N, C-alpha and C. Protein backbone atom coordinates (compact mmCIF):
# COMPACT_ATOMS: atom_id res chain seq x y z
N VAL A 1 137.24 68.61 110.35
CA VAL A 1 138.24 68.73 111.44
C VAL A 1 138.37 70.20 111.82
N GLN A 2 138.33 70.42 113.13
CA GLN A 2 138.48 71.82 113.60
C GLN A 2 139.35 71.83 114.88
N LEU A 3 140.26 72.80 114.93
CA LEU A 3 140.97 73.16 116.16
C LEU A 3 140.67 74.63 116.35
N VAL A 4 140.03 74.98 117.45
CA VAL A 4 139.62 76.34 117.68
C VAL A 4 140.29 76.83 118.94
N GLU A 5 141.22 77.79 118.78
CA GLU A 5 141.94 78.38 119.92
C GLU A 5 141.12 79.55 120.49
N SER A 6 141.28 79.73 121.78
CA SER A 6 140.69 80.85 122.47
C SER A 6 141.53 81.23 123.70
N GLY A 7 141.28 82.41 124.23
CA GLY A 7 141.97 82.81 125.46
C GLY A 7 143.06 83.85 125.29
N GLY A 8 143.40 84.16 124.04
CA GLY A 8 144.42 85.16 123.83
C GLY A 8 143.95 86.54 124.17
N GLY A 9 144.87 87.49 124.17
CA GLY A 9 144.48 88.88 124.47
C GLY A 9 145.69 89.69 124.89
N LEU A 10 145.43 90.85 125.44
CA LEU A 10 146.47 91.77 125.91
C LEU A 10 146.64 91.59 127.40
N VAL A 11 147.87 91.42 127.86
CA VAL A 11 148.18 91.26 129.26
C VAL A 11 149.46 92.00 129.57
N GLN A 12 149.57 92.50 130.81
CA GLN A 12 150.76 93.20 131.23
C GLN A 12 151.86 92.18 131.55
N PRO A 13 153.10 92.60 131.48
CA PRO A 13 154.19 91.76 131.88
C PRO A 13 153.99 91.22 133.30
N GLY A 14 154.29 89.99 133.49
CA GLY A 14 154.06 89.36 134.80
C GLY A 14 152.69 88.76 134.97
N GLY A 15 151.82 89.04 134.04
CA GLY A 15 150.46 88.51 134.12
C GLY A 15 150.32 87.11 133.61
N SER A 16 149.03 86.62 133.57
CA SER A 16 148.76 85.24 133.14
C SER A 16 147.62 85.23 132.14
N LEU A 17 147.67 84.22 131.32
CA LEU A 17 146.61 83.88 130.41
C LEU A 17 146.46 82.37 130.33
N ARG A 18 145.27 81.90 129.98
CA ARG A 18 145.03 80.52 129.78
C ARG A 18 144.47 80.33 128.37
N LEU A 19 145.21 79.66 127.56
CA LEU A 19 144.73 79.38 126.19
C LEU A 19 144.04 78.03 126.19
N SER A 20 143.00 77.92 125.37
CA SER A 20 142.29 76.65 125.16
C SER A 20 142.26 76.33 123.70
N CYS A 21 142.21 75.04 123.41
CA CYS A 21 142.09 74.56 122.03
C CYS A 21 141.03 73.46 122.05
N ALA A 22 139.90 73.74 121.45
CA ALA A 22 138.82 72.77 121.36
C ALA A 22 138.89 72.04 120.01
N ALA A 23 138.95 70.71 120.08
CA ALA A 23 139.10 69.89 118.91
C ALA A 23 137.83 69.17 118.55
N SER A 24 137.66 68.94 117.25
CA SER A 24 136.51 68.15 116.77
C SER A 24 136.85 67.59 115.42
N GLY A 25 136.17 66.49 115.11
CA GLY A 25 136.30 65.87 113.77
C GLY A 25 137.38 64.85 113.64
N PHE A 26 138.04 64.51 114.72
CA PHE A 26 139.06 63.44 114.68
C PHE A 26 139.11 62.81 116.10
N THR A 27 139.82 61.70 116.17
CA THR A 27 139.92 61.00 117.45
C THR A 27 141.00 61.64 118.30
N PHE A 28 140.59 62.59 119.08
CA PHE A 28 141.46 63.48 119.85
C PHE A 28 142.42 62.68 120.73
N ARG A 29 141.94 61.64 121.36
CA ARG A 29 142.73 60.93 122.34
C ARG A 29 143.94 60.22 121.76
N ASN A 30 143.99 60.08 120.44
CA ASN A 30 145.10 59.40 119.79
C ASN A 30 146.24 60.36 119.38
N TYR A 31 145.96 61.63 119.49
CA TYR A 31 146.86 62.62 118.92
C TYR A 31 147.75 63.31 119.96
N VAL A 32 149.00 63.49 119.59
CA VAL A 32 149.88 64.37 120.34
C VAL A 32 149.42 65.80 120.07
N MET A 33 149.24 66.57 121.15
CA MET A 33 148.78 67.96 121.01
C MET A 33 149.92 68.89 121.39
N SER A 34 150.02 69.94 120.60
CA SER A 34 151.11 70.90 120.83
C SER A 34 150.60 72.32 120.66
N TRP A 35 151.36 73.26 121.25
CA TRP A 35 151.17 74.69 120.97
C TRP A 35 152.44 75.18 120.33
N TYR A 36 152.29 75.91 119.28
CA TYR A 36 153.39 76.65 118.61
C TYR A 36 153.07 78.11 118.69
N ARG A 37 154.09 78.92 118.47
CA ARG A 37 153.87 80.35 118.38
C ARG A 37 154.76 80.97 117.32
N GLN A 38 154.29 82.07 116.79
CA GLN A 38 155.03 82.79 115.78
C GLN A 38 154.98 84.26 116.07
N ALA A 39 156.11 84.83 116.39
CA ALA A 39 156.23 86.28 116.62
C ALA A 39 156.46 86.97 115.29
N PRO A 40 156.18 88.25 115.24
CA PRO A 40 156.38 89.02 114.00
C PRO A 40 157.84 88.91 113.54
N GLY A 41 158.02 88.55 112.28
CA GLY A 41 159.35 88.48 111.67
C GLY A 41 160.13 87.25 112.09
N LYS A 42 159.51 86.33 112.81
CA LYS A 42 160.24 85.13 113.28
C LYS A 42 159.54 83.87 112.77
N GLU A 43 160.28 82.81 112.83
CA GLU A 43 159.72 81.49 112.43
C GLU A 43 158.81 80.95 113.52
N ARG A 44 157.90 80.10 113.10
CA ARG A 44 157.07 79.39 114.07
C ARG A 44 157.93 78.47 114.92
N GLU A 45 157.65 78.44 116.20
CA GLU A 45 158.46 77.63 117.10
C GLU A 45 157.53 76.82 118.04
N LEU A 46 158.03 75.64 118.42
CA LEU A 46 157.27 74.79 119.33
C LEU A 46 157.36 75.39 120.73
N VAL A 47 156.22 75.50 121.39
CA VAL A 47 156.18 76.02 122.78
C VAL A 47 156.12 74.84 123.74
N ALA A 48 155.16 73.93 123.51
CA ALA A 48 154.97 72.79 124.41
C ALA A 48 154.19 71.70 123.68
N ALA A 49 154.40 70.47 124.13
CA ALA A 49 153.69 69.32 123.52
C ALA A 49 153.28 68.37 124.66
N ILE A 50 152.20 67.63 124.42
CA ILE A 50 151.74 66.66 125.40
C ILE A 50 151.34 65.42 124.71
N GLY A 51 151.69 64.26 125.29
CA GLY A 51 151.37 62.96 124.70
C GLY A 51 149.87 62.69 124.69
N SER A 52 149.51 61.67 123.97
CA SER A 52 148.08 61.40 123.77
C SER A 52 147.35 61.07 125.07
N ALA A 53 148.06 60.42 126.03
CA ALA A 53 147.44 60.06 127.32
C ALA A 53 147.62 61.19 128.33
N GLY A 54 148.42 62.21 128.04
CA GLY A 54 148.61 63.31 128.91
C GLY A 54 149.72 63.17 129.90
N GLY A 55 150.44 62.07 129.87
CA GLY A 55 151.48 61.82 130.85
C GLY A 55 152.82 62.41 130.52
N ASP A 56 153.07 62.66 129.24
CA ASP A 56 154.36 63.19 128.83
C ASP A 56 154.20 64.57 128.25
N THR A 57 154.98 65.47 128.81
CA THR A 57 154.97 66.85 128.31
C THR A 57 156.40 67.31 128.09
N ASN A 58 156.57 68.16 127.17
CA ASN A 58 157.86 68.83 126.99
C ASN A 58 157.67 70.29 126.61
N TYR A 59 158.63 71.11 126.99
CA TYR A 59 158.50 72.55 126.84
C TYR A 59 159.76 73.16 126.22
N ALA A 60 159.56 74.21 125.52
CA ALA A 60 160.72 75.01 125.07
C ALA A 60 161.43 75.58 126.30
N ASP A 61 162.72 75.69 126.22
CA ASP A 61 163.50 76.20 127.35
C ASP A 61 163.00 77.58 127.78
N SER A 62 162.52 78.37 126.83
CA SER A 62 162.14 79.73 127.10
C SER A 62 160.88 79.83 127.95
N VAL A 63 160.10 78.71 128.04
CA VAL A 63 158.84 78.79 128.79
C VAL A 63 158.84 77.85 130.01
N LYS A 64 159.86 77.02 130.14
CA LYS A 64 159.90 76.08 131.26
C LYS A 64 159.72 76.79 132.62
N GLY A 65 158.89 76.23 133.45
CA GLY A 65 158.66 76.83 134.73
C GLY A 65 157.63 77.92 134.73
N ARG A 66 157.19 78.37 133.58
CA ARG A 66 156.19 79.42 133.49
C ARG A 66 154.86 78.91 132.81
N PHE A 67 155.00 78.05 131.86
CA PHE A 67 153.86 77.52 131.14
C PHE A 67 153.56 76.08 131.55
N THR A 68 152.29 75.76 131.56
CA THR A 68 151.88 74.39 131.85
C THR A 68 150.85 73.94 130.82
N LEU A 69 151.15 72.81 130.22
CA LEU A 69 150.24 72.26 129.20
C LEU A 69 149.48 71.06 129.77
N SER A 70 148.20 71.02 129.49
CA SER A 70 147.39 69.90 129.97
C SER A 70 146.28 69.60 128.94
N ARG A 71 145.66 68.45 129.11
CA ARG A 71 144.60 68.07 128.18
C ARG A 71 143.50 67.37 128.90
N ASP A 72 142.32 67.49 128.36
CA ASP A 72 141.15 66.77 128.86
C ASP A 72 140.58 65.94 127.69
N ASN A 73 140.90 64.65 127.69
CA ASN A 73 140.44 63.87 126.58
C ASN A 73 138.96 63.61 126.58
N ALA A 74 138.29 63.78 127.71
CA ALA A 74 136.85 63.67 127.74
C ALA A 74 136.16 64.84 127.09
N LYS A 75 136.86 65.99 127.07
CA LYS A 75 136.29 67.20 126.51
C LYS A 75 136.97 67.62 125.21
N ASN A 76 137.89 66.79 124.73
CA ASN A 76 138.61 67.08 123.47
C ASN A 76 139.22 68.49 123.48
N THR A 77 139.85 68.78 124.58
CA THR A 77 140.40 70.15 124.77
C THR A 77 141.82 70.09 125.34
N VAL A 78 142.63 70.96 124.91
CA VAL A 78 143.99 71.13 125.45
C VAL A 78 144.11 72.54 125.97
N PHE A 79 144.86 72.69 127.06
CA PHE A 79 145.00 73.99 127.73
C PHE A 79 146.46 74.36 127.85
N LEU A 80 146.75 75.66 127.72
CA LEU A 80 148.08 76.15 127.96
C LEU A 80 147.98 77.27 129.02
N GLN A 81 148.38 76.99 130.22
CA GLN A 81 148.39 78.00 131.26
C GLN A 81 149.72 78.75 131.19
N MET A 82 149.66 80.05 131.02
CA MET A 82 150.86 80.87 130.81
C MET A 82 150.95 81.86 131.99
N ASN A 83 151.96 81.73 132.77
CA ASN A 83 152.19 82.62 133.91
C ASN A 83 153.46 83.42 133.69
N SER A 84 153.61 84.46 134.49
CA SER A 84 154.85 85.26 134.44
C SER A 84 155.18 85.66 133.02
N LEU A 85 154.18 86.14 132.30
CA LEU A 85 154.36 86.46 130.91
C LEU A 85 155.37 87.62 130.69
N LYS A 86 156.09 87.52 129.61
CA LYS A 86 157.12 88.47 129.26
C LYS A 86 156.76 89.12 127.88
N PRO A 87 157.27 90.28 127.61
CA PRO A 87 157.02 90.85 126.28
C PRO A 87 157.43 89.95 125.15
N GLU A 88 158.51 89.14 125.35
CA GLU A 88 158.98 88.29 124.32
C GLU A 88 158.06 87.08 124.08
N ASP A 89 157.04 86.90 124.93
CA ASP A 89 156.03 85.87 124.66
C ASP A 89 154.97 86.35 123.69
N THR A 90 155.02 87.60 123.30
CA THR A 90 154.08 88.14 122.32
C THR A 90 154.22 87.36 121.01
N ALA A 91 153.07 86.83 120.56
CA ALA A 91 153.05 86.05 119.31
C ALA A 91 151.61 85.59 119.01
N VAL A 92 151.46 85.03 117.86
CA VAL A 92 150.24 84.25 117.57
C VAL A 92 150.51 82.84 117.98
N TYR A 93 149.62 82.28 118.79
CA TYR A 93 149.78 80.94 119.30
C TYR A 93 148.84 80.02 118.58
N TYR A 94 149.40 78.90 118.06
CA TYR A 94 148.69 77.94 117.25
C TYR A 94 148.61 76.57 117.94
N CYS A 95 147.44 75.99 117.86
CA CYS A 95 147.24 74.61 118.36
C CYS A 95 147.53 73.66 117.23
N ASN A 96 148.17 72.55 117.53
CA ASN A 96 148.51 71.53 116.53
C ASN A 96 148.16 70.18 117.07
N ALA A 97 147.63 69.33 116.20
CA ALA A 97 147.35 67.90 116.52
C ALA A 97 148.10 67.05 115.52
N ARG A 98 148.82 66.06 116.06
CA ARG A 98 149.65 65.24 115.15
C ARG A 98 149.57 63.79 115.55
N TRP A 99 149.28 62.96 114.53
CA TRP A 99 149.37 61.50 114.63
C TRP A 99 149.50 60.98 113.23
N THR A 100 148.47 60.42 112.73
CA THR A 100 148.49 59.98 111.35
C THR A 100 148.26 61.18 110.40
N ARG A 101 147.67 62.23 110.94
CA ARG A 101 147.51 63.49 110.17
C ARG A 101 148.09 64.61 110.99
N ASP A 102 148.17 65.75 110.39
CA ASP A 102 148.72 66.95 111.02
C ASP A 102 147.68 68.08 110.85
N TYR A 103 147.13 68.51 111.96
CA TYR A 103 146.07 69.54 111.92
C TYR A 103 146.50 70.81 112.63
N TRP A 104 146.05 71.94 112.15
CA TRP A 104 146.40 73.22 112.77
C TRP A 104 145.15 74.08 112.97
N GLY A 105 145.19 74.86 114.04
CA GLY A 105 144.16 75.86 114.27
C GLY A 105 144.60 77.16 113.56
N LYS A 106 143.74 78.16 113.65
CA LYS A 106 143.98 79.41 112.99
C LYS A 106 144.78 80.41 113.85
N GLY A 107 144.93 80.09 115.11
CA GLY A 107 145.76 80.90 115.98
C GLY A 107 144.98 81.90 116.84
N THR A 108 145.63 82.29 117.94
CA THR A 108 145.08 83.31 118.82
C THR A 108 146.24 84.21 119.23
N LEU A 109 146.00 85.53 119.17
CA LEU A 109 147.08 86.46 119.43
C LEU A 109 147.25 86.73 120.93
N VAL A 110 148.47 86.63 121.37
CA VAL A 110 148.85 87.02 122.75
C VAL A 110 149.77 88.19 122.67
N THR A 111 149.41 89.25 123.34
CA THR A 111 150.24 90.48 123.38
C THR A 111 150.56 90.76 124.84
N VAL A 112 151.86 90.81 125.12
CA VAL A 112 152.31 91.13 126.48
C VAL A 112 152.99 92.51 126.44
N SER A 113 152.31 93.46 127.04
CA SER A 113 152.81 94.82 126.92
C SER A 113 152.22 95.66 128.09
N SER A 114 152.98 96.63 128.51
CA SER A 114 152.48 97.54 129.56
C SER A 114 151.89 98.79 128.87
C-alpha cells in the first residue's frame, strides 16, 4: 500500500498550489480520502475529506471557499487545489485513506511566506 503526496513547496501569500496523492495497493474507489495537515507545534487537523464516489466533500472552516478537494477514481488519485494561501496554511500536508483500513502518506511540506 502506498499513498504518495506531491505538489508542496514554497508559495507567497495569496498564491496557489495543487497537491496530489497517488494511491496504490488497495481498492481506491472504496475509500474515503482526506487531507490532514500538521503545523509546527500543533496537532494534526483535518483539512478536507471526500466520499468514495466523489459526491460528498467537507472542509475545515479555515479553508472553506479557498480549497477544493477532488478525486479521480480511474487514476487512483486525489487532488487538493489550494488558492488564496495564507501563512497560517503552512504545514506538512498528509493524505489519508480510510475504510476498512486506515492508510497514511508521508506528507508534503507547504510553506506560505513572502
